[in-house]
Each structure stands twice: as C-alpha cells, then as structure tokens.
C-alpha cells in the first residue's frame, strides 16, 4: 500500500511539474481551473478597459487629429486631448500669462516603454482657480489637486498615466500649473528628488510660446 500511494503521489507531482497548473487528475477540476483563469483574465481586461475609457477615448472621433492629439475651442469652452510616448512636461494653456481658459476639459495621456516607471514632478508654486482641478490616474493610483492643495512629486510605479485638467470659470491672475512626466528605467534607483531636480530648470522655463507641452531634453 505504501508503494502504491507513493507511486500515485509522485505521478501526480510529476504531472503538475511538467504539464503545468492544469495537469490535474480530474477533468472536472481541470475545467474549473481553466474557467477560474479565464475569469481572472476577463476581470483584468475589464479593469484595463475601465481605465482606458477616458475623456480622450470618448471624444477623439469628433475632432480632426494632429501629431499629438486634438483640441477644440467653441462656445462650450475648450476641449483637448494629447498623447505622448516619451518623457514630457505638461503645461496649462496660456501658461506664461497665468490665465488658462474657462470651461476647460483636457486630457494628457502618457504611455511609455514597459520597462520604465513614470516619475511625476509637479510645479511647487502651481496655482489653481476655484473650481479647477488636475487628476492623475494610473491602473492603481488616483491623485487629485484642487485649489491651494500642496502638490508633491511621486514615482507612479506605472508606465502609463492619464492627466485630466478641468476648469469652471477659468483663472484670474497667476493661475497656472505644470507637471513633468519622466520615463525612469526600473533599473535606475535614483530618488524622486534627484529626478525632478534634473528637469527643474527646463520645467520652470515654461513651454515654447503657447504650447501646452515640452519634451524633456536629455
């Protein structure tokens, strides 16, 4: 009996080791495991779809696309969407004047190499008018800045993010914001402070003219 049980145990162990997690004795259990796996995959796809269902996706078919996205200004306010696949600094509209548009609904999508993490570098003296807000979203993180809330820099631990900016009545004097999104290889162990310090001068210099972004120079 001992030899029989020992043989059976080693046979089952070998099947699991060689054939993988679905190689089990019972076909019913194998089917159940496969269903669990497919169910988990479906949940993952649903989560990805939920994150991807952004303002950009909802509106992108309505406007003519440019190199990095689209924007549209009409009687309903300013709507825009931009896509980037590299390290970039984002700026509010009319950054140099400090008076961004009222009724703005804009999204900036950053999607970089999978072997990088995004480090977020926020302008320390950013100023938002009442009713304005900036929201940063990744698969696992959601950060919102409104009014005089003190910003902070952070490693987002993800290679893609969505930055959404909305305003109601717009800004008065000196209402503006900027945010660097830096691709940092996962093998680069520099601190967030070091990374943000490296781009500080470029960020504070502002964009070229009325642009709302600037790619980060090496």
C-alpha atoms as a PDB file:
ATOM      1  CA  UNK A   1       0.000   0.000   0.000  1.00  0.00           C
ATOM      2  CA  UNK A   2       2.816   2.377   0.830  1.00  0.00           C
ATOM      3  CA  UNK A   3       4.461   1.744  -2.534  1.00  0.00           C
ATOM      4  CA  UNK A   4       1.130   2.219  -4.330  1.00  0.00           C
ATOM      5  CA  UNK A   5       0.386   5.545  -2.608  1.00  0.00           C
ATOM      6  CA  UNK A   6       3.972   6.729  -3.095  1.00  0.00           C
ATOM      7  CA  UNK A   7       3.826   5.912  -6.799  1.00  0.00           C
ATOM      8  CA  UNK A   8       0.498   7.763  -7.153  1.00  0.00           C
ATOM      9  CA  UNK A   9       1.811  10.828  -5.305  1.00  0.00           C
ATOM     10  CA  UNK A  10       4.966  11.049  -7.446  1.00  0.00           C
ATOM     11  CA  UNK A  11       2.975  10.582 -10.630  1.00  0.00           C
ATOM     12  CA  UNK A  12       0.637  13.472  -9.730  1.00  0.00           C
ATOM     13  CA  UNK A  13       3.600  15.640  -8.666  1.00  0.00           C
ATOM     14  CA  UNK A  14       5.339  14.917 -11.991  1.00  0.00           C
ATOM     15  CA  UNK A  15       2.214  15.822 -13.966  1.00  0.00           C
ATOM     16  CA  UNK A  16       1.898  19.156 -12.180  1.00  0.00           C
ATOM     17  CA  UNK A  17       5.631  19.891 -12.550  1.00  0.00           C
ATOM     18  CA  UNK A  18       5.862  19.031 -16.240  1.00  0.00           C
ATOM     19  CA  UNK A  19       2.443  19.925 -17.632  1.00  0.00           C
ATOM     20  CA  UNK A  20       1.682  22.984 -15.520  1.00  0.00           C
ATOM     21  CA  UNK A  21      -1.232  24.033 -13.283  1.00  0.00           C
ATOM     22  CA  UNK A  22      -3.972  22.489 -15.467  1.00  0.00           C
ATOM     23  CA  UNK A  23      -2.467  18.970 -15.448  1.00  0.00           C
ATOM     24  CA  UNK A  24      -4.533  17.512 -12.584  1.00  0.00           C
ATOM     25  CA  UNK A  25      -6.147  14.127 -12.255  1.00  0.00           C
ATOM     26  CA  UNK A  26      -9.786  15.148 -12.622  1.00  0.00           C
ATOM     27  CA  UNK A  27     -11.051  16.595 -15.953  1.00  0.00           C
ATOM     28  CA  UNK A  28     -13.750  18.426 -13.991  1.00  0.00           C
ATOM     29  CA  UNK A  29     -11.198  20.126 -11.772  1.00  0.00           C
ATOM     30  CA  UNK A  30      -9.111  20.966 -14.836  1.00  0.00           C
ATOM     31  CA  UNK A  31     -12.115  22.634 -16.426  1.00  0.00           C
ATOM     32  CA  UNK A  32     -12.832  24.563 -13.225  1.00  0.00           C
ATOM     33  CA  UNK A  33      -9.231  25.778 -13.050  1.00  0.00           C
ATOM     34  CA  UNK A  34      -9.345  26.888 -16.668  1.00  0.00           C
ATOM     35  CA  UNK A  35     -12.599  28.764 -16.005  1.00  0.00           C
ATOM     36  CA  UNK A  36     -11.053  30.468 -12.981  1.00  0.00           C
ATOM     37  CA  UNK A  37      -8.064  31.504 -15.100  1.00  0.00           C
ATOM     38  CA  UNK A  38     -10.306  32.848 -17.873  1.00  0.00           C
ATOM     39  CA  UNK A  39     -12.422  34.636 -15.290  1.00  0.00           C
ATOM     40  CA  UNK A  40      -9.363  36.337 -13.824  1.00  0.00           C
ATOM     41  CA  UNK A  41      -8.236  37.328 -17.300  1.00  0.00           C
ATOM     42  CA  UNK A  42     -11.679  38.770 -18.036  1.00  0.00           C
ATOM     43  CA  UNK A  43     -11.532  40.850 -14.845  1.00  0.00           C
ATOM     44  CA  UNK A  44      -8.083  42.147 -15.833  1.00  0.00           C
ATOM     45  CA  UNK A  45      -9.328  43.097 -19.307  1.00  0.00           C
ATOM     46  CA  UNK A  46     -12.351  44.806 -17.751  1.00  0.00           C
ATOM     47  CA  UNK A  47     -10.097  46.853 -15.456  1.00  0.00           C
ATOM     48  CA  UNK A  48      -7.901  47.905 -18.376  1.00  0.00           C
ATOM     49  CA  UNK A  49     -10.969  48.861 -20.390  1.00  0.00           C
ATOM     50  CA  UNK A  50     -12.325  50.908 -17.489  1.00  0.00           C
ATOM     51  CA  UNK A  51      -9.095  52.883 -17.192  1.00  0.00           C
ATOM     52  CA  UNK A  52      -8.917  53.344 -20.959  1.00  0.00           C
ATOM     53  CA  UNK A  53     -12.476  54.686 -21.111  1.00  0.00           C
ATOM     54  CA  UNK A  54     -11.249  58.236 -20.674  1.00  0.00           C
ATOM     55  CA  UNK A  55     -12.317  61.623 -21.958  1.00  0.00           C
ATOM     56  CA  UNK A  56      -9.902  61.228 -24.873  1.00  0.00           C
ATOM     57  CA  UNK A  57     -11.467  57.961 -25.959  1.00  0.00           C
ATOM     58  CA  UNK A  58     -14.988  59.360 -25.726  1.00  0.00           C
ATOM     59  CA  UNK A  59     -14.298  62.475 -27.776  1.00  0.00           C
ATOM     60  CA  UNK A  60     -11.413  61.651 -30.094  1.00  0.00           C
ATOM     61  CA  UNK A  61     -13.624  60.696 -33.039  1.00  0.00           C
ATOM     62  CA  UNK A  62     -15.302  64.105 -33.167  1.00  0.00           C
ATOM     63  CA  UNK A  63     -12.289  66.259 -33.999  1.00  0.00           C
ATOM     64  CA  UNK A  64      -9.503  66.279 -36.527  1.00  0.00           C
ATOM     65  CA  UNK A  65      -6.357  64.687 -35.120  1.00  0.00           C
ATOM     66  CA  UNK A  66      -2.941  66.345 -35.090  1.00  0.00           C
ATOM     67  CA  UNK A  67       0.505  64.932 -34.319  1.00  0.00           C
ATOM     68  CA  UNK A  68      -0.086  64.682 -30.575  1.00  0.00           C
ATOM     69  CA  UNK A  69      -3.865  64.796 -30.328  1.00  0.00           C
ATOM     70  CA  UNK A  70      -6.581  67.390 -30.864  1.00  0.00           C
ATOM     71  CA  UNK A  71      -8.106  70.492 -29.353  1.00  0.00           C
ATOM     72  CA  UNK A  72     -11.318  72.362 -29.944  1.00  0.00           C
ATOM     73  CA  UNK A  73     -12.399  75.737 -28.616  1.00  0.00           C
ATOM     74  CA  UNK A  74     -16.020  76.822 -29.095  1.00  0.00           C
ATOM     75  CA  UNK A  75     -18.976  78.303 -27.211  1.00  0.00           C
ATOM     76  CA  UNK A  76     -18.910  75.345 -24.836  1.00  0.00           C
ATOM     77  CA  UNK A  77     -15.333  76.016 -23.739  1.00  0.00           C
ATOM     78  CA  UNK A  78     -12.015  74.350 -24.531  1.00  0.00           C
ATOM     79  CA  UNK A  79     -11.732  70.606 -25.030  1.00  0.00           C
ATOM     80  CA  UNK A  80      -8.472  68.848 -25.833  1.00  0.00           C
ATOM     81  CA  UNK A  81      -6.613  65.585 -25.758  1.00  0.00           C
ATOM     82  CA  UNK A  82      -2.927  64.823 -26.250  1.00  0.00           C
ATOM     83  CA  UNK A  83      -0.941  61.580 -26.455  1.00  0.00           C
ATOM     84  CA  UNK A  84       2.768  61.221 -25.640  1.00  0.00           C
ATOM     85  CA  UNK A  85       5.134  58.238 -25.719  1.00  0.00           C
ATOM     86  CA  UNK A  86       8.169  59.833 -24.081  1.00  0.00           C
ATOM     87  CA  UNK A  87       9.273  61.998 -21.164  1.00  0.00           C
ATOM     88  CA  UNK A  88       7.341  65.247 -21.318  1.00  0.00           C
ATOM     89  CA  UNK A  89       6.445  68.358 -19.319  1.00  0.00           C
ATOM     90  CA  UNK A  90       2.763  69.312 -19.405  1.00  0.00           C
ATOM     91  CA  UNK A  91       1.589  72.912 -19.084  1.00  0.00           C
ATOM     92  CA  UNK A  92      -1.739  74.635 -18.656  1.00  0.00           C
ATOM     93  CA  UNK A  93      -2.969  76.750 -21.587  1.00  0.00           C
ATOM     94  CA  UNK A  94      -1.653  80.340 -21.618  1.00  0.00           C
ATOM     95  CA  UNK A  95       0.962  79.269 -19.100  1.00  0.00           C
ATOM     96  CA  UNK A  96       3.129  82.386 -19.499  1.00  0.00           C
ATOM     97  CA  UNK A  97       0.140  84.672 -18.874  1.00  0.00           C
ATOM     98  CA  UNK A  98      -1.182  82.658 -15.958  1.00  0.00           C
ATOM     99  CA  UNK A  99      -4.753  82.742 -17.276  1.00  0.00           C
ATOM    100  CA  UNK A 100      -5.937  79.365 -18.566  1.00  0.00           C
ATOM    101  CA  UNK A 101      -9.237  79.076 -20.414  1.00  0.00           C
ATOM    102  CA  UNK A 102     -12.583  78.827 -18.641  1.00  0.00           C
ATOM    103  CA  UNK A 103     -14.631  75.641 -19.058  1.00  0.00           C
ATOM    104  CA  UNK A 104     -11.612  73.556 -19.995  1.00  0.00           C
ATOM    105  CA  UNK A 105     -11.790  69.770 -20.233  1.00  0.00           C
ATOM    106  CA  UNK A 106      -8.424  68.381 -21.290  1.00  0.00           C
ATOM    107  CA  UNK A 107      -6.634  65.085 -21.002  1.00  0.00           C
ATOM    108  CA  UNK A 108      -2.973  64.256 -21.472  1.00  0.00           C
ATOM    109  CA  UNK A 109      -2.166  60.552 -21.937  1.00  0.00           C
ATOM    110  CA  UNK A 110       1.401  59.390 -21.380  1.00  0.00           C
ATOM    111  CA  UNK A 111       2.291  55.845 -22.443  1.00  0.00           C
ATOM    112  CA  UNK A 112       5.980  54.918 -22.329  1.00  0.00           C
ATOM    113  CA  UNK A 113       8.131  51.797 -22.579  1.00  0.00           C
ATOM    114  CA  UNK A 114       7.052  48.920 -20.354  1.00  0.00           C
ATOM    115  CA  UNK A 115      10.468  48.775 -18.661  1.00  0.00           C
ATOM    116  CA  UNK A 116      10.097  52.333 -17.323  1.00  0.00           C
ATOM    117  CA  UNK A 117       8.195  53.853 -14.439  1.00  0.00           C
ATOM    118  CA  UNK A 118       6.745  57.350 -14.656  1.00  0.00           C
ATOM    119  CA  UNK A 119       8.013  59.836 -12.103  1.00  0.00           C
ATOM    120  CA  UNK A 120       5.710  62.829 -11.638  1.00  0.00           C
ATOM    121  CA  UNK A 121       7.334  66.218 -10.959  1.00  0.00           C
ATOM    122  CA  UNK A 122       4.761  68.863 -10.027  1.00  0.00           C
ATOM    123  CA  UNK A 123       5.427  72.606 -10.109  1.00  0.00           C
ATOM    124  CA  UNK A 124       5.673  73.579  -6.460  1.00  0.00           C
ATOM    125  CA  UNK A 125       4.051  77.016  -6.814  1.00  0.00           C
ATOM    126  CA  UNK A 126       1.217  75.848  -9.083  1.00  0.00           C
ATOM    127  CA  UNK A 127      -1.968  77.815  -8.544  1.00  0.00           C
ATOM    128  CA  UNK A 128      -5.466  76.677  -9.452  1.00  0.00           C
ATOM    129  CA  UNK A 129      -8.546  78.870  -9.510  1.00  0.00           C
ATOM    130  CA  UNK A 130     -11.628  77.827  -7.572  1.00  0.00           C
ATOM    131  CA  UNK A 131     -13.458  75.067  -9.402  1.00  0.00           C
ATOM    132  CA  UNK A 132     -10.329  73.878 -11.216  1.00  0.00           C
ATOM    133  CA  UNK A 133      -8.598  70.567 -10.697  1.00  0.00           C
ATOM    134  CA  UNK A 134      -5.898  68.261 -12.015  1.00  0.00           C
ATOM    135  CA  UNK A 135      -6.379  64.491 -11.678  1.00  0.00           C
ATOM    136  CA  UNK A 136      -3.646  61.914 -12.313  1.00  0.00           C
ATOM    137  CA  UNK A 137      -4.717  58.317 -12.868  1.00  0.00           C
ATOM    138  CA  UNK A 138      -2.837  55.067 -13.388  1.00  0.00           C
ATOM    139  CA  UNK A 139      -4.089  51.498 -13.112  1.00  0.00           C
ATOM    140  CA  UNK A 140      -3.606  51.572  -9.333  1.00  0.00           C
ATOM    141  CA  UNK A 141      -3.388  55.247  -8.380  1.00  0.00           C
ATOM    142  CA  UNK A 142      -5.605  58.323  -8.434  1.00  0.00           C
ATOM    143  CA  UNK A 143      -4.346  61.732  -7.268  1.00  0.00           C
ATOM    144  CA  UNK A 144      -6.328  64.972  -7.427  1.00  0.00           C
ATOM    145  CA  UNK A 145      -5.116  68.546  -6.922  1.00  0.00           C
ATOM    146  CA  UNK A 146      -7.622  71.338  -6.341  1.00  0.00           C
ATOM    147  CA  UNK A 147      -7.330  74.942  -5.215  1.00  0.00           C
ATOM    148  CA  UNK A 148      -4.403  75.516  -2.870  1.00  0.00           C
ATOM    149  CA  UNK A 149      -3.702  71.859  -2.117  1.00  0.00           C
ATOM    150  CA  UNK A 150       0.059  71.409  -1.762  1.00  0.00           C
ATOM    151  CA  UNK A 151       1.399  69.257  -4.612  1.00  0.00           C
ATOM    152  CA  UNK A 152       4.020  66.547  -4.236  1.00  0.00           C
ATOM    153  CA  UNK A 153       6.341  64.607  -6.511  1.00  0.00           C
ATOM    154  CA  UNK A 154       5.999  60.843  -6.761  1.00  0.00           C
ATOM    155  CA  UNK A 155       7.003  57.658  -8.525  1.00  0.00           C
ATOM    156  CA  UNK A 156       3.739  56.438 -10.071  1.00  0.00           C
ATOM    157  CA  UNK A 157       5.113  52.882 -10.435  1.00  0.00           C
ATOM    158  CA  UNK A 158       3.466  52.506 -13.827  1.00  0.00           C
ATOM    159  CA  UNK A 159       4.455  53.108 -17.444  1.00  0.00           C
ATOM    160  CA  UNK A 160       1.219  54.848 -18.427  1.00  0.00           C
ATOM    161  CA  UNK A 161      -0.891  57.596 -16.901  1.00  0.00           C
ATOM    162  CA  UNK A 162      -3.754  59.927 -17.685  1.00  0.00           C
ATOM    163  CA  UNK A 163      -3.677  63.563 -16.561  1.00  0.00           C
ATOM    164  CA  UNK A 164      -7.030  65.312 -16.698  1.00  0.00           C
ATOM    165  CA  UNK A 165      -7.483  69.050 -16.202  1.00  0.00           C
ATOM    166  CA  UNK A 166     -10.853  70.733 -15.767  1.00  0.00           C
ATOM    167  CA  UNK A 167     -11.793  74.330 -15.002  1.00  0.00           C
ATOM    168  CA  UNK A 168     -15.104  76.067 -14.459  1.00  0.00           C
ATOM    169  CA  UNK A 169     -14.887  79.845 -14.687  1.00  0.00           C
ATOM    170  CA  UNK A 170     -11.208  79.811 -15.534  1.00  0.00           C
ATOM    171  CA  UNK A 171      -8.296  81.505 -13.839  1.00  0.00           C
ATOM    172  CA  UNK A 172      -7.564  85.041 -12.804  1.00  0.00           C
ATOM    173  CA  UNK A 173      -4.024  86.270 -12.248  1.00  0.00           C
ATOM    174  CA  UNK A 174      -1.179  83.784 -11.905  1.00  0.00           C
ATOM    175  CA  UNK A 175      -3.309  80.659 -12.201  1.00  0.00           C
ATOM    176  CA  UNK A 176      -1.238  78.015 -13.933  1.00  0.00           C
ATOM    177  CA  UNK A 177       0.228  74.572 -13.471  1.00  0.00           C
ATOM    178  CA  UNK A 178       2.927  72.348 -14.910  1.00  0.00           C
ATOM    179  CA  UNK A 179       3.817  68.719 -14.430  1.00  0.00           C
ATOM    180  CA  UNK A 180       6.802  66.692 -15.617  1.00  0.00           C
ATOM    181  CA  UNK A 181       6.287  63.029 -16.506  1.00  0.00           C
ATOM    182  CA  UNK A 182       9.694  61.346 -16.662  1.00  0.00           C
ATOM    183  CA  UNK A 183      10.427  57.866 -18.000  1.00  0.00           C
ATOM    184  CA  UNK A 184      12.788  56.268 -15.464  1.00  0.00           C
ATOM    185  CA  UNK A 185      14.128  52.757 -16.191  1.00  0.00           C
ATOM    186  CA  UNK A 186      13.198  50.272 -13.496  1.00  0.00           C
ATOM    187  CA  UNK A 187      16.915  49.572 -13.054  1.00  0.00           C
ATOM    188  CA  UNK A 188      17.558  53.258 -12.232  1.00  0.00           C
ATOM    189  CA  UNK A 189      17.483  53.648  -8.459  1.00  0.00           C
ATOM    190  CA  UNK A 190      17.763  57.433  -8.229  1.00  0.00           C
ATOM    191  CA  UNK A 191      15.382  59.134  -5.836  1.00  0.00           C
ATOM    192  CA  UNK A 192      12.332  61.099  -6.966  1.00  0.00           C
ATOM    193  CA  UNK A 193      14.028  64.259  -5.675  1.00  0.00           C
ATOM    194  CA  UNK A 194      17.088  63.694  -7.877  1.00  0.00           C
ATOM    195  CA  UNK A 195      14.990  63.032 -10.978  1.00  0.00           C
ATOM    196  CA  UNK A 196      12.789  66.088 -10.505  1.00  0.00           C
ATOM    197  CA  UNK A 197      15.802  68.263  -9.750  1.00  0.00           C
ATOM    198  CA  UNK A 198      17.310  67.208 -13.088  1.00  0.00           C
ATOM    199  CA  UNK A 199      14.371  68.661 -15.042  1.00  0.00           C
ATOM    200  CA  UNK A 200      13.612  71.640 -12.766  1.00  0.00           C
ATOM    201  CA  UNK A 201      15.261  74.272 -14.979  1.00  0.00           C
ATOM    202  CA  UNK A 202      13.533  73.007 -18.124  1.00  0.00           C
ATOM    203  CA  UNK A 203      10.192  72.905 -16.328  1.00  0.00           C
ATOM    204  CA  UNK A 204      10.433  76.415 -14.870  1.00  0.00           C
ATOM    205  CA  UNK A 205      11.445  77.870 -18.237  1.00  0.00           C
ATOM    206  CA  UNK A 206       7.948  77.118 -19.482  1.00  0.00           C
ATOM    207  CA  UNK A 207       6.803  75.975 -22.914  1.00  0.00           C
ATOM    208  CA  UNK A 208       7.623  77.463 -26.278  1.00  0.00           C
ATOM    209  CA  UNK A 209       5.062  80.182 -26.951  1.00  0.00           C
ATOM    210  CA  UNK A 210       1.515  78.924 -26.432  1.00  0.00           C
ATOM    211  CA  UNK A 211       2.390  75.224 -26.455  1.00  0.00           C
ATOM    212  CA  UNK A 212       0.956  73.036 -23.689  1.00  0.00           C
ATOM    213  CA  UNK A 213       3.822  70.532 -23.605  1.00  0.00           C
ATOM    214  CA  UNK A 214       7.581  70.248 -23.984  1.00  0.00           C
ATOM    215  CA  UNK A 215       9.569  67.085 -24.468  1.00  0.00           C
ATOM    216  CA  UNK A 216      12.331  66.672 -21.898  1.00  0.00           C
ATOM    217  CA  UNK A 217      15.863  67.017 -23.215  1.00  0.00           C
ATOM    218  CA  UNK A 218      18.499  64.521 -22.144  1.00  0.00           C
END
